[in-house]
C-alpha atoms as a PDB file:
ATOM      1  CA  UNK A   1     -74.101  -4.883-273.796  1.00  0.00           C
ATOM      2  CA  UNK A   2     -77.243  -3.633-272.111  1.00  0.00           C
ATOM      3  CA  UNK A   3     -77.472  -2.822-268.403  1.00  0.00           C
ATOM      4  CA  UNK A   4     -80.544  -1.857-266.480  1.00  0.00           C
ATOM      5  CA  UNK A   5     -81.172  -0.859-262.885  1.00  0.00           C
ATOM      6  CA  UNK A   6     -82.056  -4.428-261.909  1.00  0.00           C
ATOM      7  CA  UNK A   7     -79.340  -6.200-263.900  1.00  0.00           C
ATOM      8  CA  UNK A   8     -75.921  -4.823-263.003  1.00  0.00           C
ATOM      9  CA  UNK A   9     -73.896  -7.424-264.884  1.00  0.00           C
ATOM     10  CA  UNK A  10     -70.937  -9.295-263.485  1.00  0.00           C
ATOM     11  CA  UNK A  11     -68.049  -7.743-261.636  1.00  0.00           C
ATOM     12  CA  UNK A  12     -65.791  -8.719-264.535  1.00  0.00           C
ATOM     13  CA  UNK A  13     -68.051  -6.852-266.994  1.00  0.00           C
ATOM     14  CA  UNK A  14     -68.033  -3.750-264.808  1.00  0.00           C
ATOM     15  CA  UNK A  15     -64.231  -3.870-264.431  1.00  0.00           C
ATOM     16  CA  UNK A  16     -63.816  -4.276-268.195  1.00  0.00           C
ATOM     17  CA  UNK A  17     -66.088  -1.327-268.893  1.00  0.00           C
ATOM     18  CA  UNK A  18     -64.473   0.894-266.262  1.00  0.00           C
ATOM     19  CA  UNK A  19     -60.968   0.112-267.515  1.00  0.00           C
ATOM     20  CA  UNK A  20     -61.831   1.317-270.990  1.00  0.00           C
ATOM     21  CA  UNK A  21     -62.695  -2.040-272.537  1.00  0.00           C
ATOM     22  CA  UNK A  22     -66.271  -0.932-273.096  1.00  0.00           C
ATOM     23  CA  UNK A  23     -68.068   2.259-273.906  1.00  0.00           C
ATOM     24  CA  UNK A  24     -70.327   2.911-270.933  1.00  0.00           C
ATOM     25  CA  UNK A  25     -69.687   5.949-268.786  1.00  0.00           C
ATOM     26  CA  UNK A  26     -68.170   5.386-265.358  1.00  0.00           C
ATOM     27  CA  UNK A  27     -71.066   7.089-263.638  1.00  0.00           C
ATOM     28  CA  UNK A  28     -73.474   4.503-265.058  1.00  0.00           C
ATOM     29  CA  UNK A  29     -71.624   1.401-263.847  1.00  0.00           C
ATOM     30  CA  UNK A  30     -70.998   1.393-260.083  1.00  0.00           C
ATOM     31  CA  UNK A  31     -74.454   2.331-258.867  1.00  0.00           C
ATOM     32  CA  UNK A  32     -76.313   0.665-261.734  1.00  0.00           C
ATOM     33  CA  UNK A  33     -78.886   3.400-261.170  1.00  0.00           C
ATOM     34  CA  UNK A  34     -79.553   4.905-264.575  1.00  0.00           C
ATOM     35  CA  UNK A  35     -80.807   2.726-267.347  1.00  0.00           C
ATOM     36  CA  UNK A  36     -78.195   2.523-270.071  1.00  0.00           C
ATOM     37  CA  UNK A  37     -79.111   1.554-273.616  1.00  0.00           C
ATOM     38  CA  UNK A  38     -76.536   1.232-276.347  1.00  0.00           C
ATOM     39  CA  UNK A  39     -77.665   2.587-279.698  1.00  0.00           C
ATOM     40  CA  UNK A  40     -75.164   2.443-282.512  1.00  0.00           C
ATOM     41  CA  UNK A  41     -72.011   4.318-281.559  1.00  0.00           C
ATOM     42  CA  UNK A  42     -73.590   6.611-279.015  1.00  0.00           C
ATOM     43  CA  UNK A  43     -74.883   5.868-275.556  1.00  0.00           C
ATOM     44  CA  UNK A  44     -78.104   7.200-274.132  1.00  0.00           C
ATOM     45  CA  UNK A  45     -78.491   7.402-270.377  1.00  0.00           C
ATOM     46  CA  UNK A  46     -81.176   8.663-268.045  1.00  0.00           C
ATOM     47  CA  UNK A  47     -80.827  11.459-266.995  1.00  0.00           C
ATOM     48  CA  UNK A  48     -79.505  12.949-270.244  1.00  0.00           C
ATOM     49  CA  UNK A  49     -77.417  15.638-268.508  1.00  0.00           C
ATOM     50  CA  UNK A  50     -74.802  13.113-267.356  1.00  0.00           C
ATOM     51  CA  UNK A  51     -71.470  14.122-268.873  1.00  0.00           C
ATOM     52  CA  UNK A  52     -69.101  11.459-270.099  1.00  0.00           C
ATOM     53  CA  UNK A  53     -65.519  12.125-269.110  1.00  0.00           C
ATOM     54  CA  UNK A  54     -62.515  10.181-270.290  1.00  0.00           C
ATOM     55  CA  UNK A  55     -60.678   8.386-267.546  1.00  0.00           C
ATOM     56  CA  UNK A  56     -57.449  10.371-267.517  1.00  0.00           C
ATOM     57  CA  UNK A  57     -54.961  10.684-264.707  1.00  0.00           C
ATOM     58  CA  UNK A  58     -52.693  13.642-265.331  1.00  0.00           C
ATOM     59  CA  UNK A  59     -49.991  15.455-263.416  1.00  0.00           C
ATOM     60  CA  UNK A  60     -50.271  19.001-262.135  1.00  0.00           C
ATOM     61  CA  UNK A  61     -47.718  20.108-264.745  1.00  0.00           C
ATOM     62  CA  UNK A  62     -49.704  18.583-267.620  1.00  0.00           C
ATOM     63  CA  UNK A  63     -52.979  20.065-266.364  1.00  0.00           C
ATOM     64  CA  UNK A  64     -51.364  23.500-266.217  1.00  0.00           C
ATOM     65  CA  UNK A  65     -49.948  23.055-269.725  1.00  0.00           C
ATOM     66  CA  UNK A  66     -53.347  22.018-271.138  1.00  0.00           C
ATOM     67  CA  UNK A  67     -54.945  25.011-269.450  1.00  0.00           C
ATOM     68  CA  UNK A  68     -52.342  27.389-270.912  1.00  0.00           C
ATOM     69  CA  UNK A  69     -52.737  25.788-274.350  1.00  0.00           C
ATOM     70  CA  UNK A  70     -56.518  26.249-274.324  1.00  0.00           C
ATOM     71  CA  UNK A  71     -56.337  29.873-273.249  1.00  0.00           C
ATOM     72  CA  UNK A  72     -53.514  30.590-275.715  1.00  0.00           C
ATOM     73  CA  UNK A  73     -55.490  29.124-278.629  1.00  0.00           C
ATOM     74  CA  UNK A  74     -58.628  30.980-277.522  1.00  0.00           C
ATOM     75  CA  UNK A  75     -56.969  34.359-278.091  1.00  0.00           C
ATOM     76  CA  UNK A  76     -56.262  33.926-281.809  1.00  0.00           C
ATOM     77  CA  UNK A  77     -55.269  31.191-284.280  1.00  0.00           C
ATOM     78  CA  UNK A  78     -51.640  30.163-283.780  1.00  0.00           C
ATOM     79  CA  UNK A  79     -49.013  28.313-285.767  1.00  0.00           C
ATOM     80  CA  UNK A  80     -47.492  25.135-284.394  1.00  0.00           C
ATOM     81  CA  UNK A  81     -44.093  26.779-283.915  1.00  0.00           C
ATOM     82  CA  UNK A  82     -45.648  29.636-281.935  1.00  0.00           C
ATOM     83  CA  UNK A  83     -47.439  27.166-279.678  1.00  0.00           C
ATOM     84  CA  UNK A  84     -44.306  25.066-279.158  1.00  0.00           C
ATOM     85  CA  UNK A  85     -42.287  28.156-278.221  1.00  0.00           C
ATOM     86  CA  UNK A  86     -44.982  29.574-275.928  1.00  0.00           C
ATOM     87  CA  UNK A  87     -45.457  26.307-274.006  1.00  0.00           C
ATOM     88  CA  UNK A  88     -41.771  25.274-274.204  1.00  0.00           C
ATOM     89  CA  UNK A  89     -42.691  21.772-275.371  1.00  0.00           C
ATOM     90  CA  UNK A  90     -41.541  19.397-278.083  1.00  0.00           C
ATOM     91  CA  UNK A  91     -43.398  18.179-281.126  1.00  0.00           C
ATOM     92  CA  UNK A  92     -44.422  14.804-279.639  1.00  0.00           C
ATOM     93  CA  UNK A  93     -45.800  16.476-276.518  1.00  0.00           C
ATOM     94  CA  UNK A  94     -47.741  18.923-278.677  1.00  0.00           C
ATOM     95  CA  UNK A  95     -49.459  16.122-280.595  1.00  0.00           C
ATOM     96  CA  UNK A  96     -50.143  14.183-277.384  1.00  0.00           C
ATOM     97  CA  UNK A  97     -51.835  17.249-275.927  1.00  0.00           C
ATOM     98  CA  UNK A  98     -53.924  17.733-279.082  1.00  0.00           C
ATOM     99  CA  UNK A  99     -54.997  14.075-278.878  1.00  0.00           C
ATOM    100  CA  UNK A 100     -55.969  14.456-275.217  1.00  0.00           C
ATOM    101  CA  UNK A 101     -57.963  17.601-275.996  1.00  0.00           C
ATOM    102  CA  UNK A 102     -59.777  15.658-278.721  1.00  0.00           C
ATOM    103  CA  UNK A 103     -60.551  12.782-276.300  1.00  0.00           C
ATOM    104  CA  UNK A 104     -61.942  15.316-273.828  1.00  0.00           C
ATOM    105  CA  UNK A 105     -64.239  16.816-276.467  1.00  0.00           C
ATOM    106  CA  UNK A 106     -62.262  20.027-277.010  1.00  0.00           C
ATOM    107  CA  UNK A 107     -62.144  20.714-280.743  1.00  0.00           C
ATOM    108  CA  UNK A 108     -59.084  22.315-282.263  1.00  0.00           C
ATOM    109  CA  UNK A 109     -59.166  23.031-285.993  1.00  0.00           C
ATOM    110  CA  UNK A 110     -55.998  22.948-288.109  1.00  0.00           C
ATOM    111  CA  UNK A 111     -56.324  25.014-291.262  1.00  0.00           C
ATOM    112  CA  UNK A 112     -53.697  26.932-293.267  1.00  0.00           C
ATOM    113  CA  UNK A 113     -50.971  25.920-290.775  1.00  0.00           C
ATOM    114  CA  UNK A 114     -52.937  27.587-287.949  1.00  0.00           C
ATOM    115  CA  UNK A 115     -54.542  25.942-284.923  1.00  0.00           C
ATOM    116  CA  UNK A 116     -57.830  27.410-283.721  1.00  0.00           C
ATOM    117  CA  UNK A 117     -59.879  26.560-280.654  1.00  0.00           C
ATOM    118  CA  UNK A 118     -63.443  25.847-281.814  1.00  0.00           C
ATOM    119  CA  UNK A 119     -65.084  26.858-278.510  1.00  0.00           C
ATOM    120  CA  UNK A 120     -64.631  29.552-275.936  1.00  0.00           C
ATOM    121  CA  UNK A 121     -61.853  29.119-273.419  1.00  0.00           C
ATOM    122  CA  UNK A 122     -64.422  28.693-270.613  1.00  0.00           C
ATOM    123  CA  UNK A 123     -66.246  25.925-272.513  1.00  0.00           C
ATOM    124  CA  UNK A 124     -62.986  24.118-273.241  1.00  0.00           C
ATOM    125  CA  UNK A 125     -61.829  24.586-269.651  1.00  0.00           C
ATOM    126  CA  UNK A 126     -64.973  22.813-268.476  1.00  0.00           C
ATOM    127  CA  UNK A 127     -63.914  19.694-270.380  1.00  0.00           C
ATOM    128  CA  UNK A 128     -60.269  19.551-269.305  1.00  0.00           C
ATOM    129  CA  UNK A 129     -59.265  16.816-266.855  1.00  0.00           C
ATOM    130  CA  UNK A 130     -58.047  17.886-263.443  1.00  0.00           C
ATOM    131  CA  UNK A 131     -55.307  16.136-261.446  1.00  0.00           C
ATOM    132  CA  UNK A 132     -56.238  14.028-258.442  1.00  0.00           C
ATOM    133  CA  UNK A 133     -56.560  16.419-255.467  1.00  0.00           C
ATOM    134  CA  UNK A 134     -55.629  13.675-252.937  1.00  0.00           C
ATOM    135  CA  UNK A 135     -58.646  14.284-250.697  1.00  0.00           C
ATOM    136  CA  UNK A 136     -59.296  12.414-247.471  1.00  0.00           C
ATOM    137  CA  UNK A 137     -62.604  10.662-246.813  1.00  0.00           C
ATOM    138  CA  UNK A 138     -63.585  13.498-244.459  1.00  0.00           C
ATOM    139  CA  UNK A 139     -62.905  16.112-247.141  1.00  0.00           C
ATOM    140  CA  UNK A 140     -64.828  14.080-249.734  1.00  0.00           C
ATOM    141  CA  UNK A 141     -67.780  13.778-247.349  1.00  0.00           C
ATOM    142  CA  UNK A 142     -67.750  17.523-246.767  1.00  0.00           C
ATOM    143  CA  UNK A 143     -67.639  18.327-250.489  1.00  0.00           C
ATOM    144  CA  UNK A 144     -70.256  15.669-251.305  1.00  0.00           C
ATOM    145  CA  UNK A 145     -72.711  17.487-249.030  1.00  0.00           C
ATOM    146  CA  UNK A 146     -72.753  20.506-251.366  1.00  0.00           C
ATOM    147  CA  UNK A 147     -76.169  20.890-253.075  1.00  0.00           C
ATOM    148  CA  UNK A 148     -74.744  21.319-256.593  1.00  0.00           C
ATOM    149  CA  UNK A 149     -74.093  19.034-259.559  1.00  0.00           C
ATOM    150  CA  UNK A 150     -70.431  18.585-258.622  1.00  0.00           C
ATOM    151  CA  UNK A 151     -71.428  17.738-255.034  1.00  0.00           C
ATOM    152  CA  UNK A 152     -73.859  15.085-256.272  1.00  0.00           C
ATOM    153  CA  UNK A 153     -71.179  13.552-258.522  1.00  0.00           C
ATOM    154  CA  UNK A 154     -68.763  13.467-255.578  1.00  0.00           C
ATOM    155  CA  UNK A 155     -71.459  11.916-253.378  1.00  0.00           C
ATOM    156  CA  UNK A 156     -72.020   9.178-255.986  1.00  0.00           C
ATOM    157  CA  UNK A 157     -68.283   8.557-256.232  1.00  0.00           C
ATOM    158  CA  UNK A 158     -67.929   8.420-252.461  1.00  0.00           C
ATOM    159  CA  UNK A 159     -70.842   5.975-252.183  1.00  0.00           C
ATOM    160  CA  UNK A 160     -69.251   3.788-254.845  1.00  0.00           C
ATOM    161  CA  UNK A 161     -65.990   3.622-252.902  1.00  0.00           C
ATOM    162  CA  UNK A 162     -67.628   3.059-249.512  1.00  0.00           C
ATOM    163  CA  UNK A 163     -70.071   0.405-250.748  1.00  0.00           C
ATOM    164  CA  UNK A 164     -67.526  -1.811-252.516  1.00  0.00           C
ATOM    165  CA  UNK A 165     -67.987  -5.486-251.612  1.00  0.00           C
ATOM    166  CA  UNK A 166     -65.168  -7.075-249.643  1.00  0.00           C
ATOM    167  CA  UNK A 167     -62.833  -9.137-251.816  1.00  0.00           C
ATOM    168  CA  UNK A 168     -63.263 -12.896-251.659  1.00  0.00           C
ATOM    169  CA  UNK A 169     -60.800 -14.588-249.335  1.00  0.00           C
ATOM    170  CA  UNK A 170     -58.062 -16.373-251.174  1.00  0.00           C
ATOM    171  CA  UNK A 171     -57.725 -20.073-250.684  1.00  0.00           C
ATOM    172  CA  UNK A 172     -54.203 -21.182-249.872  1.00  0.00           C
ATOM    173  CA  UNK A 173     -52.352 -22.742-252.769  1.00  0.00           C
ATOM    174  CA  UNK A 174     -51.951 -26.511-252.890  1.00  0.00           C
ATOM    175  CA  UNK A 175     -48.275 -26.197-251.907  1.00  0.00           C
ATOM    176  CA  UNK A 176     -49.193 -24.095-248.856  1.00  0.00           C
ATOM    177  CA  UNK A 177     -51.894 -26.609-247.841  1.00  0.00           C
ATOM    178  CA  UNK A 178     -49.421 -29.534-248.104  1.00  0.00           C
ATOM    179  CA  UNK A 179     -46.882 -27.604-246.044  1.00  0.00           C
ATOM    180  CA  UNK A 180     -49.445 -26.813-243.304  1.00  0.00           C
ATOM    181  CA  UNK A 181     -50.595 -30.470-243.278  1.00  0.00           C
ATOM    182  CA  UNK A 182     -47.005 -31.629-242.725  1.00  0.00           C
ATOM    183  CA  UNK A 183     -46.634 -29.332-239.718  1.00  0.00           C
ATOM    184  CA  UNK A 184     -49.873 -30.610-238.165  1.00  0.00           C
ATOM    185  CA  UNK A 185     -49.056 -34.328-238.342  1.00  0.00           C
ATOM    186  CA  UNK A 186     -46.895 -35.427-235.369  1.00  0.00           C
ATOM    187  CA  UNK A 187     -43.984 -37.779-235.975  1.00  0.00           C
END
């Protein structure tokens, strides 16, 4: 699928792409501003500094656990049992967290029964998802006014939410129309 600034595609296409059914970044869809060209498995967008983030909604507890895991692995290579004991988690949770780190672009190498973070803790931290801060529109507007990259991303997100078209009005079902017609006809 190819989208350009003048051809935003259908609402259904945008919903499919935003829900994970496609491979375009969320920042490229709502505003239809940057030109997006699909080339093989990768996506090129203008400007090239746009970061692609997986759409992940996590709890505060999980975010804290991911943060502790990254910093723990950054210190020195660790065995799985050491990690499980340190984080007080089970085996399934451990593998879920490794999968989420992989989806976020944080590389963890497993060699000789040791897990090693392949980046610095700060670099990995920059890729971790953060839980929804439950901001009001006023707080979002205030943060969106900041002259930094994060402020611009928040401003784009805020504009996307504010400029959503109103949903089409639903037509009453045929049963509801028949019922209203019966009430209108006098006997």
